[in-house]
Structures are given as C-alpha cells and as structure tokens.
Protein backbone atom coordinates (compact mmCIF):
# COMPACT_ATOMS: atom_id res chain seq x y z
CA MET A 1 1.58 30.05 -18.15
CA SER A 2 -1.30 30.78 -15.78
CA MET A 3 -1.06 33.22 -12.91
CA VAL A 4 -0.27 31.43 -9.63
CA SER A 5 -1.02 32.51 -6.07
CA VAL A 6 1.08 31.34 -3.13
CA ILE A 7 -0.72 31.69 0.21
CA ILE A 8 0.91 31.52 3.64
CA PRO A 9 -0.97 31.81 6.95
CA ALA A 10 1.21 33.27 9.68
CA PHE A 11 0.75 33.59 13.42
CA ASN A 12 3.67 34.82 15.54
CA ALA A 13 6.05 33.51 12.89
CA GLU A 14 8.86 36.07 13.28
CA LYS A 15 11.50 33.34 13.66
CA THR A 16 10.69 31.59 10.37
CA ILE A 17 8.63 33.74 7.97
CA GLY A 18 11.69 35.60 6.64
CA ARG A 19 13.38 32.42 5.39
CA CYS A 20 10.11 31.24 3.86
CA LEU A 21 9.56 34.46 1.91
CA ASP A 22 13.20 34.71 0.89
CA ALA A 23 12.92 31.26 -0.71
CA LEU A 24 9.64 32.12 -2.41
CA THR A 25 11.05 35.29 -3.97
CA LYS A 26 13.89 33.26 -5.50
CA GLN A 27 11.84 30.65 -7.33
CA ASP A 28 12.92 29.57 -10.82
CA TYR A 29 9.33 29.72 -12.11
CA ARG A 30 9.24 31.96 -15.20
CA GLY A 31 5.55 32.73 -15.09
CA GLU A 32 3.75 35.28 -12.95
CA TYR A 33 3.03 34.52 -9.33
CA GLU A 34 1.88 36.44 -6.30
CA ILE A 35 2.68 35.82 -2.65
CA ILE A 36 -0.06 36.46 -0.09
CA VAL A 37 0.72 36.33 3.63
CA VAL A 38 -2.34 36.33 5.85
CA ASP A 39 -1.28 37.48 9.30
CA ASP A 40 -3.65 35.76 11.71
CA GLY A 41 -3.51 38.25 14.58
CA SER A 42 0.21 38.03 15.35
CA THR A 43 1.48 39.90 18.40
CA ASP A 44 5.17 39.71 17.43
CA SER A 45 7.08 41.32 14.55
CA THR A 46 5.68 39.04 11.84
CA PRO A 47 3.89 41.87 9.95
CA ASP A 48 7.00 44.05 10.01
CA ILE A 49 9.14 41.27 8.55
CA VAL A 50 6.61 40.53 5.81
CA SER A 51 6.40 44.23 4.91
CA LYS A 52 10.11 44.20 3.98
CA PHE A 53 9.41 41.84 1.07
CA VAL A 54 8.12 43.90 -1.84
CA LYS A 55 6.72 40.90 -3.68
CA ALA A 56 4.66 39.76 -0.69
CA GLN A 57 1.16 41.08 -0.11
CA LEU A 58 0.30 41.35 3.59
CA ILE A 59 -3.28 40.79 4.73
CA ARG A 60 -4.07 41.19 8.42
CA GLN A 61 -7.00 39.75 10.35
CA LYS A 62 -8.01 39.05 13.92
CA ASN A 63 -6.92 35.63 15.10
CA ALA A 64 -9.31 33.11 13.56
CA GLY A 65 -7.10 30.08 12.98
CA PRO A 66 -5.08 28.86 9.99
CA ALA A 67 -8.09 27.44 8.12
CA ALA A 68 -9.77 30.85 8.09
CA ALA A 69 -6.48 32.54 7.16
CA ARG A 70 -5.96 30.26 4.18
CA ASN A 71 -9.54 30.75 3.03
CA ARG A 72 -9.10 34.52 3.30
CA GLY A 73 -5.97 34.36 1.15
CA ALA A 74 -7.73 32.22 -1.45
CA SER A 75 -10.69 34.62 -1.59
CA ILE A 76 -8.52 37.56 -2.65
CA SER A 77 -6.06 35.62 -4.84
CA VAL A 78 -5.99 36.15 -8.59
CA GLY A 79 -4.27 32.91 -9.62
CA GLU A 80 -6.02 30.07 -11.41
CA ILE A 81 -3.86 27.76 -9.30
CA ILE A 82 -3.40 28.43 -5.58
CA LEU A 83 -0.49 26.99 -3.64
CA PHE A 84 -0.20 26.76 0.13
CA THR A 85 2.83 26.42 2.32
CA ASP A 86 3.47 27.19 5.99
CA ALA A 87 5.43 30.01 7.56
CA ASP A 88 7.97 27.55 8.98
CA CYS A 89 8.75 25.98 5.60
CA VAL A 90 11.51 26.84 3.13
CA PRO A 91 10.58 25.79 -0.43
CA GLU A 92 13.27 24.64 -2.83
CA PRO A 93 13.88 26.93 -5.86
CA ASP A 94 11.84 24.69 -8.18
CA TRP A 95 8.95 24.22 -5.74
CA ILE A 96 6.41 26.29 -7.67
CA SER A 97 7.40 24.67 -10.97
CA GLU A 98 7.12 21.18 -9.49
CA MET A 99 3.81 21.90 -7.78
CA LEU A 100 2.37 23.11 -11.09
CA ARG A 101 3.71 20.29 -13.25
CA PRO A 102 0.94 17.72 -12.47
CA PHE A 103 -1.75 20.32 -13.23
CA TYR A 104 -0.27 20.93 -16.68
CA GLU A 105 0.29 17.24 -17.39
CA ASN A 106 -3.29 16.25 -16.55
CA SER A 107 -6.20 18.68 -16.80
CA GLU A 108 -8.27 16.44 -14.51
CA VAL A 109 -5.91 16.91 -11.55
CA ALA A 110 -7.54 19.19 -8.97
CA GLY A 111 -4.99 18.94 -6.15
CA VAL A 112 -1.26 18.31 -5.69
CA LYS A 113 0.73 17.36 -2.61
CA GLY A 114 4.46 17.96 -2.18
CA ALA A 115 7.03 16.56 0.25
CA TYR A 116 8.97 17.45 3.40
CA LYS A 117 12.73 17.33 3.88
CA THR A 118 14.89 18.47 6.78
CA LYS A 119 18.56 19.20 7.43
CA GLN A 120 18.33 18.45 11.16
CA LYS A 121 20.66 16.06 12.93
CA GLU A 122 18.72 15.40 16.15
CA ILE A 123 17.59 11.80 16.67
CA THR A 124 13.88 12.63 16.94
CA ALA A 125 13.94 14.84 13.84
CA ARG A 126 15.72 12.13 11.86
CA PHE A 127 13.07 9.64 12.94
CA VAL A 128 10.29 12.04 11.92
CA GLN A 129 11.84 12.47 8.48
CA LEU A 130 12.06 8.72 7.94
CA GLU A 131 8.48 8.43 9.13
CA TYR A 132 7.37 10.91 6.45
CA GLU A 133 9.42 9.16 3.79
CA ASP A 134 7.82 5.86 4.74
CA LYS A 135 4.39 7.40 4.20
CA TYR A 136 5.53 8.89 0.89
CA ASN A 137 6.51 5.43 -0.31
CA TYR A 138 3.08 4.21 0.76
CA MET A 139 1.38 7.01 -1.20
CA LEU A 140 3.37 6.33 -4.36
CA LYS A 141 1.60 2.97 -4.67
CA ASP A 142 -1.56 4.79 -5.81
CA LYS A 143 -2.01 6.90 -8.94
CA PHE A 144 -4.35 9.23 -7.06
CA ILE A 145 -4.41 10.16 -3.38
CA ASP A 146 -6.90 11.46 -0.83
CA PHE A 147 -4.56 13.36 1.50
CA ILE A 148 -2.91 16.75 0.89
CA ASP A 149 -1.04 18.46 3.72
CA THR A 150 -0.99 22.27 3.83
CA TYR A 151 2.79 22.56 4.07
CA SER A 152 3.01 21.83 0.34
CA ALA A 153 -0.44 21.93 -1.22
CA GLY A 154 -1.85 23.06 -4.54
CA PHE A 155 -5.41 23.31 -5.87
CA ARG A 156 -7.27 24.59 -8.86
CA LYS A 157 -8.86 27.69 -7.40
CA ASP A 158 -12.32 27.02 -8.83
CA VAL A 159 -12.37 23.58 -7.20
CA PHE A 160 -11.09 24.96 -3.87
CA LEU A 161 -13.83 27.61 -3.81
CA GLU A 162 -16.43 25.08 -4.92
CA MET A 163 -15.46 22.97 -1.88
CA LYS A 164 -15.71 26.12 0.30
CA GLY A 165 -12.09 25.75 1.32
CA TYR A 166 -10.87 24.57 4.68
CA ASP A 167 -13.32 23.82 7.48
CA THR A 168 -12.98 26.64 10.02
CA SER A 169 -14.36 24.47 12.83
CA PHE A 170 -10.76 23.27 13.14
CA PRO A 171 -9.24 26.09 15.24
CA VAL A 172 -5.61 24.92 15.06
CA ALA A 173 -3.25 23.86 12.30
CA CYS A 174 -4.24 20.23 12.55
CA ALA A 175 -6.47 17.97 10.40
CA GLU A 176 -8.26 20.78 8.56
CA ASP A 177 -6.18 19.77 5.53
CA VAL A 178 -7.10 16.12 6.07
CA GLU A 179 -10.79 16.99 6.19
CA LEU A 180 -10.69 19.00 2.96
CA SER A 181 -8.77 16.22 1.21
CA TYR A 182 -11.34 13.65 2.30
CA ARG A 183 -14.20 15.84 1.06
CA MET A 184 -12.51 16.34 -2.29
CA SER A 185 -11.89 12.62 -2.62
CA ASN A 186 -15.53 11.88 -1.87
CA LYS A 187 -16.49 14.30 -4.66
CA ARG A 188 -14.23 12.31 -7.01
CA HIS A 189 -11.73 15.13 -7.50
CA LYS A 190 -8.36 13.75 -8.59
CA MET A 191 -5.33 14.52 -6.42
CA VAL A 192 -1.73 13.42 -6.89
CA PHE A 193 1.52 13.29 -4.93
CA ASN A 194 4.67 14.83 -6.41
CA PRO A 195 7.71 13.93 -4.26
CA ASP A 196 9.85 16.39 -6.24
CA ALA A 197 7.92 19.42 -4.93
CA VAL A 198 10.00 19.86 -1.77
CA VAL A 199 9.90 22.21 1.19
CA TYR A 200 12.39 22.07 4.05
CA HIS A 201 11.00 22.03 7.57
CA THR A 202 12.12 21.99 11.18
CA HIS A 203 10.64 18.83 12.67
CA PRO A 204 10.20 18.31 16.45
CA ASP A 205 13.68 17.74 17.85
CA SER A 206 12.67 16.30 21.23
CA LEU A 207 10.72 13.15 22.02
CA ILE A 208 8.24 15.04 24.20
CA GLY A 209 7.59 17.62 21.49
CA TYR A 210 7.10 14.88 18.92
CA LEU A 211 4.66 12.93 21.11
CA LYS A 212 2.64 16.06 21.86
CA LYS A 213 2.33 16.66 18.13
CA LYS A 214 1.26 13.08 17.48
CA TYR A 215 -1.35 13.33 20.23
CA LYS A 216 -2.72 16.54 18.71
CA PHE A 217 -2.84 15.12 15.19
CA ALA A 218 -4.70 12.02 16.38
CA TYR A 219 -7.10 14.12 18.46
CA TRP A 220 -8.20 16.36 15.58
CA ARG A 221 -8.16 13.53 13.06
CA MET A 222 -11.15 12.09 14.87
CA LEU A 223 -13.22 15.16 14.01
CA ALA A 224 -12.15 14.85 10.37
CA LEU A 225 -13.21 11.20 10.41
CA LYS A 226 -16.53 12.01 12.02
CA LYS A 227 -17.23 14.33 9.09
CA ASN A 228 -15.95 11.70 6.60
CA PRO A 229 -16.56 8.29 8.23
CA ASP A 230 -15.89 6.34 5.03
CA LYS A 231 -12.18 7.20 5.42
CA ALA A 232 -11.87 5.55 8.83
CA LEU A 233 -10.83 2.19 7.43
CA LYS A 234 -8.33 3.34 4.82
CA ASP A 235 -6.75 6.39 3.25
CA SER A 236 -3.76 6.84 0.97
CA HIS A 237 -1.53 8.36 3.67
CA THR A 238 -1.88 6.13 6.72
CA PRO A 239 -0.34 2.65 6.61
CA GLN A 240 -2.67 0.04 8.06
CA THR A 241 0.14 -1.16 10.34
CA MET A 242 0.08 2.17 12.15
CA LYS A 243 -3.59 1.69 13.01
CA ILE A 244 -2.96 -1.83 14.30
CA GLN A 245 -0.10 -0.58 16.49
CA LEU A 246 -2.51 1.73 18.35
CA LEU A 247 -4.10 -1.29 20.00
CA PHE A 248 -0.92 -2.56 21.67
CA PRO A 249 -0.02 0.11 24.27
CA PRO A 250 -3.30 -0.16 26.24
CA LEU A 251 -3.24 -3.96 26.02
CA ILE A 252 0.39 -4.17 27.14
CA PHE A 253 -0.12 -1.70 29.99
CA ALA A 254 -3.26 -3.50 31.19
CA SER A 255 -1.61 -6.94 30.99
CA THR A 256 1.44 -5.65 32.84
CA LEU A 257 -0.70 -4.38 35.70
CA LEU A 258 -2.46 -7.73 35.88
CA ALA A 259 0.91 -9.52 35.83
CA PHE A 260 1.86 -7.71 39.04
CA LEU A 261 -1.23 -9.21 40.63
CA ASN A 262 -0.88 -12.68 39.15
CA SER A 263 2.12 -14.09 37.30
CA ILE A 264 -0.17 -16.04 34.99
CA PHE A 265 -0.57 -12.80 33.01
CA LEU A 266 3.17 -12.56 32.33
CA PHE A 267 2.87 -14.74 29.23
CA PRO A 268 0.24 -12.45 27.58
CA VAL A 269 2.55 -9.47 28.26
CA LEU A 270 5.46 -11.16 26.53
CA LEU A 271 3.24 -12.33 23.68
CA LEU A 272 1.84 -8.84 23.10
CA ILE A 273 5.32 -7.30 23.14
CA THR A 274 6.54 -9.90 20.66
CA VAL A 275 3.63 -9.31 18.28
CA PHE A 276 4.06 -5.54 18.53
CA LEU A 277 7.75 -5.83 17.71
CA SER A 278 6.87 -7.91 14.67
CA THR A 279 4.69 -5.02 13.40
CA THR A 280 7.68 -2.66 13.64
CA LEU A 281 10.13 -4.92 11.83
CA SER A 282 9.35 -3.73 8.31
CA PHE A 283 9.81 -0.04 9.16
CA ALA A 284 12.92 -0.75 11.24
CA LEU A 285 14.57 -2.64 8.38
CA ARG A 286 13.83 0.16 5.92
CA ALA A 287 15.15 2.71 8.42
CA LEU A 288 18.35 0.70 8.97
CA LYS A 289 19.24 1.12 5.31
CA LYS A 290 19.17 4.91 5.65
CA ASP A 291 20.08 5.55 9.30
CA VAL A 292 21.38 2.68 11.43
CA LEU A 293 20.75 4.38 14.79
CA ILE A 294 17.15 5.25 13.94
CA GLY A 295 16.58 1.72 12.68
CA LEU A 296 17.75 0.30 16.00
CA LEU A 297 15.65 2.76 18.00
CA ALA A 298 12.59 2.44 15.76
CA PRO A 299 10.64 -0.21 17.77
CA GLY A 300 10.78 1.87 20.96
CA LEU A 301 9.97 5.12 19.17
CA LEU A 302 7.05 3.47 17.38
CA PHE A 303 5.69 2.23 20.70
CA PHE A 304 5.82 5.74 22.15
CA ARG A 305 4.15 7.04 19.00
CA ALA A 306 1.36 4.47 19.24
CA SER A 307 0.82 5.37 22.91
CA ALA A 308 0.46 9.09 22.14
CA GLN A 309 -1.79 8.41 19.18
CA PHE A 310 -4.01 6.06 21.18
CA LEU A 311 -4.54 8.73 23.83
CA GLY A 312 -5.24 11.29 21.09
CA VAL A 313 -7.74 9.01 19.36
CA LEU A 314 -9.49 8.26 22.66
CA SER A 315 -9.85 11.89 23.76
CA GLY A 316 -10.53 13.06 20.21
CA ALA A 317 -13.33 10.53 19.83
CA VAL A 318 -14.95 11.86 23.01
CA PHE A 319 -14.64 15.43 21.72
CA ALA A 320 -15.97 14.56 18.26
CA GLY A 321 -18.86 12.65 19.82
CA LYS A 322 -19.91 15.68 21.87
CA LYS A 323 -19.51 17.98 18.87
C-alpha cells in the first residue's frame, strides 16, 4: 500500500478540529498515512488542540486562505495520494480506505470525491442533506465527474502539483475546489464519485444561515466559471433544473410589483408561480419518500434558495467582470 497524506486546513476551528482528528486517528486503513493540519493564522486554541494529537503534524502560517493552506500541506506531504477534508468534518472509520479504493481499481483515476452525511434534526439541515443526496444521485449517472468538493477529496499528488493546486485568488473556502475540478476536467484527468467515502458534517441549521451560504457559493462560482467558461452550461454536479429556477424569483417579484399597478399582470404572476412549482415537483416527490415534512416544505425552500443564488450570481458576475 502506498503512503497516504491527509491534509486539513484549519482557521479558528477549536470547536470542531478535535472530533475531526480523533476520527482520523481511528481509521481502519492498514497502510501508512500521515495527518497534516495547516493552521491558517488561527487566533483561538486550534494549534493547542492539534498539538495534543501525536499522529498529527501541525504547520502554522499567516492567514492566507484555505486554498493556500491546502497547497502548503500538499507541498510538504510525502504521500503518493493526498486526501483533503475540512476541520468541521468527522470521517467514518473506513473513509481513507474508501477514498483510496477507486485509485487502486483504476490507475487512470486522478481524483476522487466522497459524500456528506449529517445526524442533525433541524428542518434546514435535513433539507440541506436531501439537497446533497439529490446531487449525488445526479452525479452517479456519469462514470466520470468534473466536481470534487474539499470536504472529502482525493488526488494523485503528482497530478495535483502538475495542476499547481488550488487557485489562491479565492480567499475564502468557496469555489476554489470547483475551479480546480474544472481545470482538471479540461485537461482530461479522470475523476470519480464514491458515495461510500463518507464524512459527517454540521450543515446550516437556520434558514438565514443556509441562504447566506448559498449566496456565497453562487457569488464565488462566477469567478470559477469566468476562468472555465465551458462549464457554464453543464457540469456533473449541478442539475439543470436548479439553473432554470434562478430565473423565477426576479420574474415573479417584478410581475408582482407590476400587478399592484395594474391587475392585468396578475395572470403572469400566477403563471410564473405555477411553472416554478412544476420545476420543484420532482425534488419534492423524492424528498417525500425520505422525509415527509421536508417534501412538503421543499417548494418554498427551493424558491428561497433560488432567490439567494440569483443575487449571488448577479453580484458575483459583477465582481468577476471587474476582476
């Protein structure tokens, strides 16, 4: 078995990093692996907590963002395969083994993506989990993918270094993983999704927190798309329905304002709402089979999501255009 390096960027992660490292030190993988935590200028007790784990190597740097932290970890790693997870994730005991399996089964595989799960009971968190699972089902339709999230990511180190790692022009933990995935796909590197490589995560548990996150993702995605415009129409992670839904909030809001001025616009409002609801039906039905309450709430939650994403796309497009 090849040496494996697990890299975790951490910034003020004192509340979560301990659980993450505890899980990583209890993996069932029988080969050799190292754990590298790159502390990205934390001002809390993150370094002290990491230092208590003998197996974890602590690297400290001035705050430069998660992309730079991950690249720093990769540059000093000794593994032929490098795995990434986040400080707020708790990998299952077989996570390393499952992340490595596709690499051993196919020598052409350059990247592997794992999956999220959560144990939360809050309505928003349950919706987020079903949202992820819906995207996972979408990804399973393709043999190869073009989208690897950093919470459960694996790469052949030589390919990662060849691609010069994550783009450090992304200063926050958002879309830098998308951008690298798109670049790798454009270079014809093969990437796969393994739903059995699981990490547990704490999703946003409030609607406001969730919408802020969706806004931020959409905002930074625009910079990733500017750098990789061929991915604007389709990628293996984003259902086309989600893109269509972005158009409805501004149209519905505009038509509603006009309807206050002239009742003739009431029909377009009702028509737009009806068409939007039809786009949510498929997801809502799938959700109903797993969580009845979320299935019933899905159309409204999807409308709020589309609204936040539209605003993120709009402002992100302006930012990307200036940049």
